[in-house]
PDB file of all heavy atoms in Angstrom:
ATOM      1  N   ILE A   1     -14.200   6.781  17.409  1.00  0.00           N
ATOM      2  CA  ILE A   1     -14.051   6.142  16.100  1.00  0.00           C
ATOM      3  C   ILE A   1     -13.456   7.136  15.096  1.00  0.00           C
ATOM      4  O   ILE A   1     -12.529   6.806  14.364  1.00  0.00           O
ATOM      5  CB  ILE A   1     -15.398   5.554  15.617  1.00  0.00           C
ATOM      6  CG1 ILE A   1     -15.753   4.391  16.551  1.00  0.00           C
ATOM      7  CG2 ILE A   1     -15.326   5.127  14.157  1.00  0.00           C
ATOM      8  CD1 ILE A   1     -17.036   3.697  16.290  1.00  0.00           C
ATOM      9  N   GLU A   2     -13.975   8.359  15.091  1.00  0.00           N
ATOM     10  CA  GLU A   2     -13.424   9.395  14.209  1.00  0.00           C
ATOM     11  C   GLU A   2     -11.967   9.678  14.573  1.00  0.00           C
ATOM     12  O   GLU A   2     -11.120   9.831  13.687  1.00  0.00           O
ATOM     13  CB  GLU A   2     -14.227  10.695  14.325  1.00  0.00           C
ATOM     14  CG  GLU A   2     -15.643  10.593  13.784  1.00  0.00           C
ATOM     15  CD  GLU A   2     -16.527  11.769  14.215  1.00  0.00           C
ATOM     16  OE1 GLU A   2     -16.280  12.385  15.269  1.00  0.00           O
ATOM     17  OE2 GLU A   2     -17.464  12.059  13.474  1.00  0.00           O
ATOM     18  N   LEU A   3     -11.688   9.738  15.871  1.00  0.00           N
ATOM     19  CA  LEU A   3     -10.325   9.994  16.328  1.00  0.00           C
ATOM     20  C   LEU A   3      -9.394   8.877  15.865  1.00  0.00           C
ATOM     21  O   LEU A   3      -8.287   9.135  15.383  1.00  0.00           O
ATOM     22  CB  LEU A   3     -10.290  10.126  17.856  1.00  0.00           C
ATOM     23  CG  LEU A   3      -8.951  10.514  18.475  1.00  0.00           C
ATOM     24  CD1 LEU A   3      -8.522  11.913  18.022  1.00  0.00           C
ATOM     25  CD2 LEU A   3      -9.029  10.461  19.997  1.00  0.00           C
ATOM     26  N   GLY A   4      -9.855   7.632  15.968  1.00  0.00           N
ATOM     27  CA  GLY A   4      -9.067   6.485  15.510  1.00  0.00           C
ATOM     28  C   GLY A   4      -8.778   6.546  14.025  1.00  0.00           C
ATOM     29  O   GLY A   4      -7.644   6.318  13.582  1.00  0.00           O
ATOM     30  N   LYS A   5      -9.797   6.868  13.232  1.00  0.00           N
ATOM     31  CA  LYS A   5      -9.617   6.969  11.778  1.00  0.00           C
ATOM     32  C   LYS A   5      -8.657   8.106  11.430  1.00  0.00           C
ATOM     33  O   LYS A   5      -7.801   7.970  10.553  1.00  0.00           O
ATOM     34  CB  LYS A   5     -10.962   7.179  11.082  1.00  0.00           C
ATOM     35  CG  LYS A   5     -11.829   5.938  11.063  1.00  0.00           C
ATOM     36  CD  LYS A   5     -12.875   6.018   9.967  1.00  0.00           C
ATOM     37  CE  LYS A   5     -13.794   4.831   9.901  1.00  0.00           C
ATOM     38  NZ  LYS A   5     -13.189   3.525  10.123  1.00  0.00           N
ATOM     39  N   THR A   6      -8.805   9.239  12.109  1.00  0.00           N
ATOM     40  CA  THR A   6      -7.903  10.381  11.896  1.00  0.00           C
ATOM     41  C   THR A   6      -6.472   9.982  12.247  1.00  0.00           C
ATOM     42  O   THR A   6      -5.539  10.282  11.507  1.00  0.00           O
ATOM     43  CB  THR A   6      -8.362  11.586  12.746  1.00  0.00           C
ATOM     44  OG1 THR A   6      -9.686  11.941  12.346  1.00  0.00           O
ATOM     45  CG2 THR A   6      -7.441  12.774  12.562  1.00  0.00           C
ATOM     46  N   GLY A   7      -6.306   9.287  13.365  1.00  0.00           N
ATOM     47  CA  GLY A   7      -4.989   8.826  13.790  1.00  0.00           C
ATOM     48  C   GLY A   7      -4.354   7.897  12.775  1.00  0.00           C
ATOM     49  O   GLY A   7      -3.168   8.023  12.447  1.00  0.00           O
ATOM     50  N   GLU A   8      -5.151   6.972  12.228  1.00  0.00           N
ATOM     51  CA  GLU A   8      -4.627   6.051  11.213  1.00  0.00           C
ATOM     52  C   GLU A   8      -4.171   6.804   9.970  1.00  0.00           C
ATOM     53  O   GLU A   8      -3.142   6.478   9.381  1.00  0.00           O
ATOM     54  CB  GLU A   8      -5.671   4.990  10.849  1.00  0.00           C
ATOM     55  CG  GLU A   8      -5.749   3.887  11.865  1.00  0.00           C
ATOM     56  CD  GLU A   8      -6.730   2.785  11.487  1.00  0.00           C
ATOM     57  OE1 GLU A   8      -7.051   2.617  10.296  1.00  0.00           O
ATOM     58  OE2 GLU A   8      -7.173   2.076  12.411  1.00  0.00           O
ATOM     59  N   GLU A   9      -4.932   7.817   9.592  1.00  0.00           N
ATOM     60  CA  GLU A   9      -4.568   8.629   8.426  1.00  0.00           C
ATOM     61  C   GLU A   9      -3.260   9.382   8.689  1.00  0.00           C
ATOM     62  O   GLU A   9      -2.384   9.443   7.821  1.00  0.00           O
ATOM     63  CB  GLU A   9      -5.719   9.599   8.116  1.00  0.00           C
ATOM     64  CG  GLU A   9      -5.681  10.208   6.744  1.00  0.00           C
ATOM     65  CD  GLU A   9      -5.747   9.185   5.607  1.00  0.00           C
ATOM     66  OE1 GLU A   9      -6.438   8.157   5.722  1.00  0.00           O
ATOM     67  OE2 GLU A   9      -5.080   9.426   4.593  1.00  0.00           O
ATOM     68  N   ILE A  10      -3.124   9.943   9.883  1.00  0.00           N
ATOM     69  CA  ILE A  10      -1.895  10.663  10.262  1.00  0.00           C
ATOM     70  C   ILE A  10      -0.703   9.705  10.228  1.00  0.00           C
ATOM     71  O   ILE A  10       0.350  10.017   9.656  1.00  0.00           O
ATOM     72  CB  ILE A  10      -2.055  11.297  11.663  1.00  0.00           C
ATOM     73  CG1 ILE A  10      -3.059  12.461  11.610  1.00  0.00           C
ATOM     74  CG2 ILE A  10      -0.704  11.776  12.211  1.00  0.00           C
ATOM     75  CD1 ILE A  10      -3.535  12.940  12.983  1.00  0.00           C
ATOM     76  N   ALA A  11      -0.874   8.515  10.822  1.00  0.00           N
ATOM     77  CA  ALA A  11       0.204   7.522  10.864  1.00  0.00           C
ATOM     78  C   ALA A  11       0.573   7.058   9.454  1.00  0.00           C
ATOM     79  O   ALA A  11       1.758   6.919   9.121  1.00  0.00           O
ATOM     80  CB  ALA A  11      -0.211   6.326  11.715  1.00  0.00           C
ATOM     81  N   PHE A  12      -0.439   6.822   8.626  1.00  0.00           N
ATOM     82  CA  PHE A  12      -0.223   6.377   7.248  1.00  0.00           C
ATOM     83  C   PHE A  12       0.647   7.384   6.492  1.00  0.00           C
ATOM     84  O   PHE A  12       1.663   7.029   5.901  1.00  0.00           O
ATOM     85  CB  PHE A  12      -1.586   6.193   6.552  1.00  0.00           C
ATOM     86  CG  PHE A  12      -1.488   5.736   5.128  1.00  0.00           C
ATOM     87  CD1 PHE A  12      -1.199   4.415   4.833  1.00  0.00           C
ATOM     88  CD2 PHE A  12      -1.689   6.625   4.088  1.00  0.00           C
ATOM     89  CE1 PHE A  12      -1.103   3.983   3.509  1.00  0.00           C
ATOM     90  CE2 PHE A  12      -1.605   6.211   2.766  1.00  0.00           C
ATOM     91  CZ  PHE A  12      -1.311   4.879   2.478  1.00  0.00           C
ATOM     92  N   ASN A  13       0.255   8.657   6.546  1.00  0.00           N
ATOM     93  CA  ASN A  13       1.010   9.707   5.839  1.00  0.00           C
ATOM     94  C   ASN A  13       2.399   9.903   6.439  1.00  0.00           C
ATOM     95  O   ASN A  13       3.367  10.135   5.711  1.00  0.00           O
ATOM     96  CB  ASN A  13       0.216  11.010   5.820  1.00  0.00           C
ATOM     97  CG  ASN A  13      -0.992  10.902   4.908  1.00  0.00           C
ATOM     98  OD1 ASN A  13      -0.912  10.361   3.806  1.00  0.00           O
ATOM     99  ND2 ASN A  13      -2.128  11.365   5.374  1.00  0.00           N
ATOM    100  N   TYR A  14       2.506   9.792   7.749  1.00  0.00           N
ATOM    101  CA  TYR A  14       3.786   9.916   8.442  1.00  0.00           C
ATOM    102  C   TYR A  14       4.773   8.852   7.932  1.00  0.00           C
ATOM    103  O   TYR A  14       5.928   9.152   7.624  1.00  0.00           O
ATOM    104  CB  TYR A  14       3.550   9.779   9.949  1.00  0.00           C
ATOM    105  CG  TYR A  14       4.803   9.750  10.781  1.00  0.00           C
ATOM    106  CD1 TYR A  14       5.445  10.934  11.145  1.00  0.00           C
ATOM    107  CD2 TYR A  14       5.342   8.545  11.220  1.00  0.00           C
ATOM    108  CE1 TYR A  14       6.594  10.916  11.921  1.00  0.00           C
ATOM    109  CE2 TYR A  14       6.487   8.516  11.997  1.00  0.00           C
ATOM    110  CZ  TYR A  14       7.118   9.703  12.342  1.00  0.00           C
ATOM    111  OH  TYR A  14       8.255   9.680  13.110  1.00  0.00           O
ATOM    112  N   LEU A  15       4.296   7.606   7.819  1.00  0.00           N
ATOM    113  CA  LEU A  15       5.174   6.523   7.366  1.00  0.00           C
ATOM    114  C   LEU A  15       5.472   6.617   5.871  1.00  0.00           C
ATOM    115  O   LEU A  15       6.591   6.328   5.443  1.00  0.00           O
ATOM    116  CB  LEU A  15       4.581   5.161   7.740  1.00  0.00           C
ATOM    117  CG  LEU A  15       4.561   4.911   9.257  1.00  0.00           C
ATOM    118  CD1 LEU A  15       3.715   3.699   9.591  1.00  0.00           C
ATOM    119  CD2 LEU A  15       5.963   4.766   9.816  1.00  0.00           C
ATOM    120  N   LEU A  16       4.499   7.046   5.084  1.00  0.00           N
ATOM    121  CA  LEU A  16       4.771   7.282   3.657  1.00  0.00           C
ATOM    122  C   LEU A  16       5.885   8.319   3.491  1.00  0.00           C
ATOM    123  O   LEU A  16       6.771   8.168   2.656  1.00  0.00           O
ATOM    124  CB  LEU A  16       3.519   7.765   2.920  1.00  0.00           C
ATOM    125  CG  LEU A  16       2.456   6.744   2.570  1.00  0.00           C
ATOM    126  CD1 LEU A  16       1.322   7.431   1.801  1.00  0.00           C
ATOM    127  CD2 LEU A  16       3.010   5.590   1.763  1.00  0.00           C
ATOM    128  N   ASN A  17       5.827   9.368   4.307  1.00  0.00           N
ATOM    129  CA  ASN A  17       6.852  10.417   4.247  1.00  0.00           C
ATOM    130  C   ASN A  17       8.231   9.901   4.647  1.00  0.00           C
ATOM    131  O   ASN A  17       9.241  10.496   4.282  1.00  0.00           O
ATOM    132  CB  ASN A  17       6.467  11.611   5.128  1.00  0.00           C
ATOM    133  CG  ASN A  17       5.336  12.414   4.519  1.00  0.00           C
ATOM    134  OD1 ASN A  17       5.132  12.400   3.305  1.00  0.00           O
ATOM    135  ND2 ASN A  17       4.575  13.097   5.349  1.00  0.00           N
ATOM    136  N   LYS A  18       8.288   8.820   5.411  1.00  0.00           N
ATOM    137  CA  LYS A  18       9.555   8.195   5.796  1.00  0.00           C
ATOM    138  C   LYS A  18      10.000   7.155   4.754  1.00  0.00           C
ATOM    139  O   LYS A  18      10.880   6.345   5.021  1.00  0.00           O
ATOM    140  CB  LYS A  18       9.426   7.519   7.168  1.00  0.00           C
ATOM    141  CG  LYS A  18       9.378   8.504   8.331  1.00  0.00           C
ATOM    142  CD  LYS A  18       9.160   7.790   9.654  1.00  0.00           C
ATOM    143  CE  LYS A  18      10.461   7.320  10.267  1.00  0.00           C
ATOM    144  NZ  LYS A  18      10.290   6.837  11.665  1.00  0.00           N
ATOM    145  N   GLN A  19       9.332   7.154   3.595  1.00  0.00           N
ATOM    146  CA  GLN A  19       9.638   6.261   2.473  1.00  0.00           C
ATOM    147  C   GLN A  19       9.217   4.811   2.702  1.00  0.00           C
ATOM    148  O   GLN A  19       9.754   3.904   2.084  1.00  0.00           O
ATOM    149  CB  GLN A  19      11.142   6.317   2.101  1.00  0.00           C
ATOM    150  CG  GLN A  19      11.680   7.722   1.840  1.00  0.00           C
ATOM    151  CD  GLN A  19      10.884   8.482   0.782  1.00  0.00           C
ATOM    152  OE1 GLN A  19      10.688   7.986  -0.320  1.00  0.00           O
ATOM    153  NE2 GLN A  19      10.399   9.664   1.114  1.00  0.00           N
ATOM    154  N   TYR A  20       8.288   4.585   3.603  1.00  0.00           N
ATOM    155  CA  TYR A  20       7.726   3.248   3.772  1.00  0.00           C
ATOM    156  C   TYR A  20       6.774   2.990   2.611  1.00  0.00           C
ATOM    157  O   TYR A  20       6.088   3.902   2.148  1.00  0.00           O
ATOM    158  CB  TYR A  20       6.953   3.149   5.084  1.00  0.00           C
ATOM    159  CG  TYR A  20       7.804   2.992   6.327  1.00  0.00           C
ATOM    160  CD1 TYR A  20       8.852   3.856   6.614  1.00  0.00           C
ATOM    161  CD2 TYR A  20       7.540   1.972   7.240  1.00  0.00           C
ATOM    162  CE1 TYR A  20       9.625   3.706   7.757  1.00  0.00           C
ATOM    163  CE2 TYR A  20       8.303   1.807   8.390  1.00  0.00           C
ATOM    164  CZ  TYR A  20       9.345   2.685   8.637  1.00  0.00           C
ATOM    165  OH  TYR A  20      10.097   2.525   9.767  1.00  0.00           O
ATOM    166  N   LYS A  21       6.727   1.749   2.133  1.00  0.00           N
ATOM    167  CA  LYS A  21       5.855   1.380   1.010  1.00  0.00           C
ATOM    168  C   LYS A  21       4.602   0.699   1.560  1.00  0.00           C
ATOM    169  O   LYS A  21       4.687  -0.338   2.223  1.00  0.00           O
ATOM    170  CB  LYS A  21       6.612   0.427   0.077  1.00  0.00           C
ATOM    171  CG  LYS A  21       5.803  -0.014  -1.113  1.00  0.00           C
ATOM    172  CD  LYS A  21       6.600  -0.997  -1.974  1.00  0.00           C
ATOM    173  CE  LYS A  21       5.630  -1.740  -2.885  1.00  0.00           C
ATOM    174  NZ  LYS A  21       6.060  -3.105  -3.159  1.00  0.00           N
ATOM    175  N   SER A  22       3.454   1.278   1.287  1.00  0.00           N
ATOM    176  CA  SER A  22       2.184   0.756   1.798  1.00  0.00           C
ATOM    177  C   SER A  22       1.785  -0.529   1.079  1.00  0.00           C
ATOM    178  O   SER A  22       1.792  -0.592  -0.148  1.00  0.00           O
ATOM    179  CB  SER A  22       1.092   1.809   1.607  1.00  0.00           C
ATOM    180  OG  SER A  22      -0.155   1.253   1.984  1.00  0.00           O
ATOM    181  N   LEU A  23       1.438  -1.551   1.857  1.00  0.00           N
ATOM    182  CA  LEU A  23       0.946  -2.809   1.292  1.00  0.00           C
ATOM    183  C   LEU A  23      -0.537  -3.018   1.576  1.00  0.00           C
ATOM    184  O   LEU A  23      -1.249  -3.586   0.755  1.00  0.00           O
ATOM    185  CB  LEU A  23       1.733  -4.000   1.862  1.00  0.00           C
ATOM    186  CG  LEU A  23       3.229  -4.035   1.591  1.00  0.00           C
ATOM    187  CD1 LEU A  23       3.843  -5.271   2.238  1.00  0.00           C
ATOM    188  CD2 LEU A  23       3.524  -4.011   0.101  1.00  0.00           C
ATOM    189  N   ASN A  24      -0.986  -2.589   2.752  1.00  0.00           N
ATOM    190  CA  ASN A  24      -2.370  -2.849   3.129  1.00  0.00           C
ATOM    191  C   ASN A  24      -2.807  -1.954   4.280  1.00  0.00           C
ATOM    192  O   ASN A  24      -1.976  -1.559   5.096  1.00  0.00           O
ATOM    193  CB  ASN A  24      -2.512  -4.322   3.545  1.00  0.00           C
ATOM    194  CG  ASN A  24      -3.818  -4.923   3.091  1.00  0.00           C
ATOM    195  OD1 ASN A  24      -4.873  -4.391   3.417  1.00  0.00           O
ATOM    196  ND2 ASN A  24      -3.748  -6.015   2.355  1.00  0.00           N
TER     197      ASN A  24
END
């Protein structure tokens, strides 16, 4: 569960850095 949450955080920041706009 911790690994999953960490992975989601990594993916979230990775996509933000690619100029993706977060909706949800």
